[in-house]
Amino acid sequence: MRTWIGRMVLMVTTVVALGSAAGAADLKAIKTQKAKDMTVSVLNETGKWKPGKNDVIVEFTKDKKPVDVGKVTLSTSMPMPGMAPMIAGAMLEPKGPGRYEGTITFPDVGERQVTVAWDGPAGKGSTKFAVPVR
């Protein structure tokens, strides 16, 4: 009985580990932007943002190698004629060299102006770009 349970635990652990590795390889770019000598990629599983909660991964590379950039923020705004802009943001947590993960929530569809900013070992910087929420 113990051998059978041990094998099941090993099998479940292996499936979870393989699933996590496959998930990382299946990420699609929402947007990739060059900022001086740094490449900033915003990624998730679909390559799109939708209304509601969205997982988001931001990767930083220099010469195709991951770069630790320290504290990372991602903020978005959507101008609204005659109204204050709709604002959403995400605090991103480090999840490996050059990789930061978090979530962001959008109340509806529309073109968002996105700012990714960082401050840490690789210096301080930011980049801006537009991304649709569909």
N, C-alpha and C. Protein backbone atom coordinates (compact mmCIF):
# COMPACT_ATOMS: atom_id res chain seq x y z
N MET A 1 0.83 -1.19 0.00
CA MET A 1 0.00 0.00 0.00
C MET A 1 0.87 1.25 0.00
N ARG A 2 1.92 1.29 0.83
CA ARG A 2 2.78 2.48 0.88
C ARG A 2 3.49 2.69 -0.44
N THR A 3 3.91 1.63 -1.10
CA THR A 3 4.59 1.75 -2.39
C THR A 3 3.64 2.37 -3.41
N TRP A 4 2.39 1.94 -3.42
CA TRP A 4 1.40 2.46 -4.35
C TRP A 4 1.19 3.96 -4.09
N ILE A 5 1.05 4.37 -2.85
CA ILE A 5 0.86 5.78 -2.50
C ILE A 5 2.10 6.59 -2.90
N GLY A 6 3.26 6.04 -2.64
CA GLY A 6 4.50 6.71 -3.04
C GLY A 6 4.57 6.93 -4.54
N ARG A 7 4.16 5.94 -5.31
CA ARG A 7 4.16 6.07 -6.78
C ARG A 7 3.15 7.12 -7.23
N MET A 8 2.00 7.16 -6.59
CA MET A 8 0.98 8.15 -6.94
C MET A 8 1.48 9.57 -6.65
N VAL A 9 2.11 9.76 -5.50
CA VAL A 9 2.65 11.07 -5.15
C VAL A 9 3.71 11.48 -6.17
N LEU A 10 4.59 10.56 -6.54
CA LEU A 10 5.62 10.85 -7.54
C LEU A 10 4.99 11.20 -8.88
N MET A 11 3.96 10.46 -9.29
CA MET A 11 3.31 10.71 -10.56
C MET A 11 2.63 12.08 -10.56
N VAL A 12 1.92 12.43 -9.50
CA VAL A 12 1.25 13.73 -9.41
C VAL A 12 2.28 14.86 -9.42
N THR A 13 3.37 14.70 -8.68
CA THR A 13 4.43 15.70 -8.65
C THR A 13 5.02 15.89 -10.03
N THR A 14 5.25 14.82 -10.75
CA THR A 14 5.82 14.90 -12.09
C THR A 14 4.86 15.60 -13.05
N VAL A 15 3.58 15.26 -12.99
CA VAL A 15 2.58 15.90 -13.86
C VAL A 15 2.49 17.39 -13.57
N VAL A 16 2.47 17.79 -12.30
CA VAL A 16 2.42 19.20 -11.94
C VAL A 16 3.66 19.92 -12.43
N ALA A 17 4.83 19.34 -12.24
CA ALA A 17 6.08 19.97 -12.70
C ALA A 17 6.09 20.11 -14.21
N LEU A 18 5.68 19.08 -14.93
CA LEU A 18 5.65 19.16 -16.39
C LEU A 18 4.62 20.17 -16.86
N GLY A 19 3.49 20.23 -16.20
CA GLY A 19 2.45 21.20 -16.55
C GLY A 19 2.93 22.63 -16.36
N SER A 20 3.67 22.89 -15.29
CA SER A 20 4.20 24.23 -15.05
C SER A 20 5.22 24.61 -16.10
N ALA A 21 6.08 23.68 -16.46
CA ALA A 21 7.09 23.97 -17.48
C ALA A 21 6.43 24.21 -18.83
N ALA A 22 5.41 23.42 -19.15
CA ALA A 22 4.72 23.61 -20.42
C ALA A 22 3.99 24.94 -20.43
N GLY A 23 3.39 25.34 -19.31
CA GLY A 23 2.68 26.61 -19.23
C GLY A 23 3.61 27.77 -19.51
N ALA A 24 4.83 27.72 -19.00
CA ALA A 24 5.79 28.80 -19.23
C ALA A 24 6.14 28.89 -20.71
N ALA A 25 6.25 27.76 -21.37
CA ALA A 25 6.62 27.75 -22.79
C ALA A 25 5.46 28.21 -23.67
N ASP A 26 4.22 28.11 -23.19
CA ASP A 26 3.04 28.44 -23.97
C ASP A 26 2.62 29.90 -23.87
N LEU A 27 3.42 30.75 -23.26
CA LEU A 27 3.05 32.15 -23.12
C LEU A 27 3.12 32.86 -24.46
N LYS A 28 2.19 33.82 -24.64
CA LYS A 28 2.15 34.60 -25.87
C LYS A 28 2.33 36.07 -25.54
N ALA A 29 2.97 36.79 -26.43
CA ALA A 29 3.23 38.21 -26.21
C ALA A 29 1.97 39.04 -26.43
N ILE A 30 1.64 39.85 -25.44
CA ILE A 30 0.62 40.87 -25.59
C ILE A 30 1.27 42.06 -26.29
N LYS A 31 2.48 42.38 -25.85
CA LYS A 31 3.26 43.47 -26.44
C LYS A 31 4.72 43.29 -26.08
N THR A 32 5.61 43.54 -27.03
CA THR A 32 7.04 43.57 -26.77
C THR A 32 7.55 44.93 -27.20
N GLN A 33 8.31 45.56 -26.33
CA GLN A 33 8.74 46.94 -26.55
C GLN A 33 10.22 47.07 -26.20
N LYS A 34 10.95 47.77 -27.02
CA LYS A 34 12.37 48.05 -26.74
C LYS A 34 12.44 49.36 -25.96
N ALA A 35 13.21 49.37 -24.88
CA ALA A 35 13.43 50.56 -24.07
C ALA A 35 14.93 50.70 -23.86
N LYS A 36 15.56 51.54 -24.66
CA LYS A 36 17.03 51.67 -24.71
C LYS A 36 17.62 50.31 -25.04
N ASP A 37 18.44 49.73 -24.16
CA ASP A 37 19.05 48.43 -24.46
C ASP A 37 18.28 47.26 -23.84
N MET A 38 17.10 47.55 -23.27
CA MET A 38 16.28 46.53 -22.60
C MET A 38 15.08 46.18 -23.48
N THR A 39 14.73 44.89 -23.53
CA THR A 39 13.50 44.46 -24.19
C THR A 39 12.50 44.10 -23.10
N VAL A 40 11.31 44.70 -23.17
CA VAL A 40 10.26 44.47 -22.19
C VAL A 40 9.13 43.74 -22.90
N SER A 41 8.77 42.57 -22.39
CA SER A 41 7.69 41.78 -22.98
C SER A 41 6.59 41.58 -21.96
N VAL A 42 5.36 41.90 -22.36
CA VAL A 42 4.17 41.66 -21.53
C VAL A 42 3.50 40.43 -22.12
N LEU A 43 3.30 39.41 -21.28
CA LEU A 43 2.86 38.10 -21.75
C LEU A 43 1.69 37.56 -20.93
N ASN A 44 0.96 36.63 -21.53
CA ASN A 44 0.02 35.77 -20.80
C ASN A 44 -0.28 34.56 -21.68
N GLU A 45 -1.21 33.74 -21.29
CA GLU A 45 -1.48 32.49 -22.03
C GLU A 45 -2.17 32.72 -23.36
N THR A 46 -2.92 33.84 -23.51
CA THR A 46 -3.68 34.07 -24.74
C THR A 46 -3.08 35.13 -25.65
N GLY A 47 -2.18 35.96 -25.13
CA GLY A 47 -1.64 37.06 -25.92
C GLY A 47 -2.59 38.23 -26.02
N LYS A 48 -3.65 38.23 -25.18
CA LYS A 48 -4.66 39.29 -25.20
C LYS A 48 -5.10 39.60 -23.78
N TRP A 49 -5.61 40.82 -23.59
CA TRP A 49 -6.29 41.17 -22.36
C TRP A 49 -7.78 41.21 -22.62
N LYS A 50 -8.57 40.82 -21.62
CA LYS A 50 -10.02 40.79 -21.73
C LYS A 50 -10.61 41.53 -20.53
N PRO A 51 -11.87 41.95 -20.61
CA PRO A 51 -12.50 42.53 -19.42
C PRO A 51 -12.49 41.50 -18.28
N GLY A 52 -12.31 41.98 -17.06
CA GLY A 52 -12.21 41.10 -15.90
C GLY A 52 -10.77 40.93 -15.47
N LYS A 53 -10.53 39.89 -14.70
CA LYS A 53 -9.19 39.63 -14.15
C LYS A 53 -8.30 38.96 -15.19
N ASN A 54 -7.06 39.45 -15.30
CA ASN A 54 -6.09 38.91 -16.24
C ASN A 54 -4.77 38.64 -15.53
N ASP A 55 -4.19 37.47 -15.77
CA ASP A 55 -2.82 37.22 -15.32
C ASP A 55 -1.90 37.98 -16.26
N VAL A 56 -0.80 38.47 -15.71
CA VAL A 56 0.16 39.19 -16.54
C VAL A 56 1.58 38.85 -16.09
N ILE A 57 2.44 38.66 -17.06
CA ILE A 57 3.86 38.39 -16.81
C ILE A 57 4.64 39.43 -17.60
N VAL A 58 5.61 40.05 -16.95
CA VAL A 58 6.49 40.99 -17.64
C VAL A 58 7.90 40.43 -17.56
N GLU A 59 8.52 40.29 -18.73
CA GLU A 59 9.89 39.78 -18.80
C GLU A 59 10.81 40.87 -19.32
N PHE A 60 12.00 40.95 -18.72
CA PHE A 60 13.02 41.91 -19.11
C PHE A 60 14.24 41.15 -19.60
N THR A 61 14.71 41.49 -20.79
CA THR A 61 15.90 40.87 -21.32
C THR A 61 16.83 41.93 -21.92
N LYS A 62 18.09 41.61 -21.91
CA LYS A 62 19.12 42.44 -22.54
C LYS A 62 20.03 41.47 -23.27
N ASP A 63 20.20 41.64 -24.56
CA ASP A 63 20.96 40.69 -25.38
C ASP A 63 20.41 39.27 -25.22
N LYS A 64 19.08 39.16 -25.15
CA LYS A 64 18.35 37.89 -25.04
C LYS A 64 18.60 37.14 -23.74
N LYS A 65 19.15 37.83 -22.72
CA LYS A 65 19.38 37.22 -21.41
C LYS A 65 18.50 37.91 -20.38
N PRO A 66 17.91 37.14 -19.43
CA PRO A 66 17.06 37.75 -18.40
C PRO A 66 17.83 38.77 -17.55
N VAL A 67 17.13 39.84 -17.18
CA VAL A 67 17.74 40.91 -16.39
C VAL A 67 16.90 41.19 -15.15
N ASP A 68 17.53 41.18 -13.97
CA ASP A 68 16.87 41.56 -12.72
C ASP A 68 16.78 43.08 -12.71
N VAL A 69 15.54 43.60 -12.75
CA VAL A 69 15.35 45.05 -12.77
C VAL A 69 14.82 45.60 -11.45
N GLY A 70 14.64 44.73 -10.45
CA GLY A 70 14.19 45.20 -9.13
C GLY A 70 12.68 45.34 -9.04
N LYS A 71 12.21 46.47 -8.54
CA LYS A 71 10.77 46.72 -8.37
C LYS A 71 10.15 47.07 -9.72
N VAL A 72 9.02 46.40 -10.04
CA VAL A 72 8.35 46.61 -11.32
C VAL A 72 6.89 46.96 -11.07
N THR A 73 6.40 47.97 -11.80
CA THR A 73 4.98 48.31 -11.77
C THR A 73 4.45 48.35 -13.19
N LEU A 74 3.19 48.02 -13.34
CA LEU A 74 2.50 48.12 -14.61
C LEU A 74 1.23 48.90 -14.33
N SER A 75 1.04 50.01 -15.04
CA SER A 75 -0.17 50.80 -14.86
C SER A 75 -0.81 51.07 -16.21
N THR A 76 -2.12 51.20 -16.21
CA THR A 76 -2.85 51.48 -17.45
C THR A 76 -3.84 52.61 -17.21
N SER A 77 -4.13 53.32 -18.29
CA SER A 77 -5.19 54.33 -18.24
C SER A 77 -5.92 54.32 -19.57
N MET A 78 -7.18 54.70 -19.52
CA MET A 78 -7.98 54.81 -20.73
C MET A 78 -8.68 56.16 -20.67
N PRO A 79 -8.27 57.09 -21.55
CA PRO A 79 -8.91 58.41 -21.56
C PRO A 79 -10.40 58.28 -21.87
N MET A 80 -11.19 59.06 -21.17
CA MET A 80 -12.63 59.08 -21.36
C MET A 80 -13.05 60.53 -21.59
N PRO A 81 -13.57 60.88 -22.78
CA PRO A 81 -13.97 62.25 -23.04
C PRO A 81 -14.96 62.78 -21.99
N GLY A 82 -14.63 63.92 -21.41
CA GLY A 82 -15.51 64.53 -20.42
C GLY A 82 -15.49 63.86 -19.05
N MET A 83 -14.62 62.88 -18.86
CA MET A 83 -14.57 62.16 -17.59
C MET A 83 -13.11 61.94 -17.19
N ALA A 84 -12.92 61.56 -15.96
CA ALA A 84 -11.57 61.17 -15.51
C ALA A 84 -11.19 59.87 -16.20
N PRO A 85 -9.91 59.67 -16.51
CA PRO A 85 -9.51 58.42 -17.17
C PRO A 85 -9.73 57.21 -16.26
N MET A 86 -10.03 56.08 -16.90
CA MET A 86 -10.14 54.82 -16.16
C MET A 86 -8.72 54.31 -15.93
N ILE A 87 -8.39 54.00 -14.69
CA ILE A 87 -7.03 53.60 -14.33
C ILE A 87 -7.05 52.20 -13.71
N ALA A 88 -6.07 51.38 -14.09
CA ALA A 88 -5.87 50.06 -13.49
C ALA A 88 -4.38 49.83 -13.37
N GLY A 89 -3.98 49.05 -12.38
CA GLY A 89 -2.55 48.79 -12.21
C GLY A 89 -2.31 47.43 -11.61
N ALA A 90 -1.06 47.02 -11.68
CA ALA A 90 -0.66 45.73 -11.12
C ALA A 90 0.69 45.88 -10.45
N MET A 91 0.80 45.36 -9.24
CA MET A 91 2.11 45.21 -8.60
C MET A 91 2.61 43.84 -9.02
N LEU A 92 3.81 43.80 -9.50
CA LEU A 92 4.36 42.55 -10.01
C LEU A 92 5.41 42.02 -9.06
N GLU A 93 5.35 40.73 -8.82
CA GLU A 93 6.29 40.05 -7.93
C GLU A 93 7.33 39.30 -8.74
N PRO A 94 8.60 39.31 -8.31
CA PRO A 94 9.63 38.56 -9.03
C PRO A 94 9.36 37.05 -8.96
N LYS A 95 9.52 36.38 -10.10
CA LYS A 95 9.30 34.93 -10.18
C LYS A 95 10.44 34.24 -10.91
N GLY A 96 11.64 34.78 -10.81
CA GLY A 96 12.80 34.21 -11.48
C GLY A 96 13.56 35.33 -12.17
N PRO A 97 14.73 35.04 -12.69
CA PRO A 97 15.54 36.08 -13.31
C PRO A 97 14.79 36.79 -14.44
N GLY A 98 14.60 38.10 -14.31
CA GLY A 98 13.98 38.90 -15.35
C GLY A 98 12.49 38.70 -15.53
N ARG A 99 11.85 37.95 -14.63
CA ARG A 99 10.42 37.62 -14.79
C ARG A 99 9.62 38.10 -13.59
N TYR A 100 8.51 38.80 -13.87
CA TYR A 100 7.66 39.39 -12.84
C TYR A 100 6.21 39.04 -13.17
N GLU A 101 5.45 38.61 -12.15
CA GLU A 101 4.09 38.16 -12.38
C GLU A 101 3.11 38.88 -11.47
N GLY A 102 1.88 39.04 -11.96
CA GLY A 102 0.81 39.65 -11.17
C GLY A 102 -0.51 39.50 -11.90
N THR A 103 -1.51 40.25 -11.44
CA THR A 103 -2.81 40.26 -12.09
C THR A 103 -3.26 41.71 -12.26
N ILE A 104 -4.12 41.92 -13.24
CA ILE A 104 -4.71 43.23 -13.48
C ILE A 104 -6.16 43.01 -13.88
N THR A 105 -7.05 43.92 -13.46
CA THR A 105 -8.47 43.78 -13.74
C THR A 105 -8.96 44.99 -14.53
N PHE A 106 -9.71 44.72 -15.60
CA PHE A 106 -10.29 45.77 -16.43
C PHE A 106 -11.81 45.67 -16.37
N PRO A 107 -12.51 46.80 -16.15
CA PRO A 107 -13.96 46.76 -16.07
C PRO A 107 -14.65 46.57 -17.41
N ASP A 108 -13.98 46.97 -18.51
CA ASP A 108 -14.62 46.86 -19.83
C ASP A 108 -13.58 46.88 -20.94
N VAL A 109 -14.06 46.84 -22.19
CA VAL A 109 -13.17 46.84 -23.34
C VAL A 109 -12.68 48.26 -23.64
N GLY A 110 -11.63 48.35 -24.44
CA GLY A 110 -11.12 49.65 -24.88
C GLY A 110 -9.61 49.66 -24.96
N GLU A 111 -9.08 50.66 -25.62
CA GLU A 111 -7.64 50.82 -25.79
C GLU A 111 -7.04 51.40 -24.52
N ARG A 112 -6.05 50.70 -23.94
CA ARG A 112 -5.38 51.16 -22.71
C ARG A 112 -3.99 51.66 -23.04
N GLN A 113 -3.62 52.76 -22.42
CA GLN A 113 -2.25 53.27 -22.48
C GLN A 113 -1.51 52.62 -21.31
N VAL A 114 -0.46 51.87 -21.59
CA VAL A 114 0.24 51.06 -20.60
C VAL A 114 1.61 51.66 -20.31
N THR A 115 1.96 51.73 -19.02
CA THR A 115 3.30 52.13 -18.61
C THR A 115 3.89 51.02 -17.75
N VAL A 116 5.05 50.52 -18.15
CA VAL A 116 5.81 49.56 -17.35
C VAL A 116 7.03 50.33 -16.84
N ALA A 117 7.21 50.34 -15.51
CA ALA A 117 8.34 51.05 -14.91
C ALA A 117 9.12 50.09 -14.02
N TRP A 118 10.42 50.34 -13.90
CA TRP A 118 11.28 49.51 -13.07
C TRP A 118 12.35 50.36 -12.41
N ASP A 119 12.84 49.85 -11.28
CA ASP A 119 13.88 50.54 -10.52
C ASP A 119 14.63 49.50 -9.71
N GLY A 120 15.91 49.30 -10.01
CA GLY A 120 16.68 48.30 -9.30
C GLY A 120 18.09 48.17 -9.83
N PRO A 121 18.65 46.96 -9.73
CA PRO A 121 20.05 46.72 -10.09
C PRO A 121 20.41 47.12 -11.53
N ALA A 122 19.46 47.02 -12.45
CA ALA A 122 19.73 47.35 -13.85
C ALA A 122 19.47 48.83 -14.14
N GLY A 123 19.19 49.60 -13.10
CA GLY A 123 18.89 51.02 -13.28
C GLY A 123 17.40 51.29 -13.19
N LYS A 124 17.05 52.51 -13.54
CA LYS A 124 15.66 52.96 -13.48
C LYS A 124 15.21 53.25 -14.90
N GLY A 125 13.99 52.84 -15.22
CA GLY A 125 13.48 53.10 -16.56
C GLY A 125 12.00 52.86 -16.67
N SER A 126 11.46 53.18 -17.83
CA SER A 126 10.05 52.93 -18.11
C SER A 126 9.84 52.91 -19.61
N THR A 127 8.72 52.35 -20.02
CA THR A 127 8.32 52.35 -21.41
C THR A 127 6.80 52.44 -21.46
N LYS A 128 6.29 53.06 -22.54
CA LYS A 128 4.84 53.24 -22.71
C LYS A 128 4.42 52.70 -24.06
N PHE A 129 3.19 52.14 -24.09
CA PHE A 129 2.63 51.61 -25.33
C PHE A 129 1.13 51.42 -25.15
N ALA A 130 0.43 51.16 -26.24
CA ALA A 130 -1.03 50.95 -26.20
C ALA A 130 -1.34 49.46 -26.37
N VAL A 131 -2.35 49.00 -25.64
CA VAL A 131 -2.82 47.62 -25.73
C VAL A 131 -4.34 47.62 -25.67
N PRO A 132 -5.00 46.91 -26.60
CA PRO A 132 -6.45 46.82 -26.52
C PRO A 132 -6.91 45.79 -25.50
N VAL A 133 -8.05 46.06 -24.88
CA VAL A 133 -8.74 45.08 -24.02
C VAL A 133 -9.99 44.70 -24.81
N ARG A 134 -10.09 43.40 -25.19
CA ARG A 134 -11.23 42.95 -26.02
C ARG A 134 -11.97 41.82 -25.36
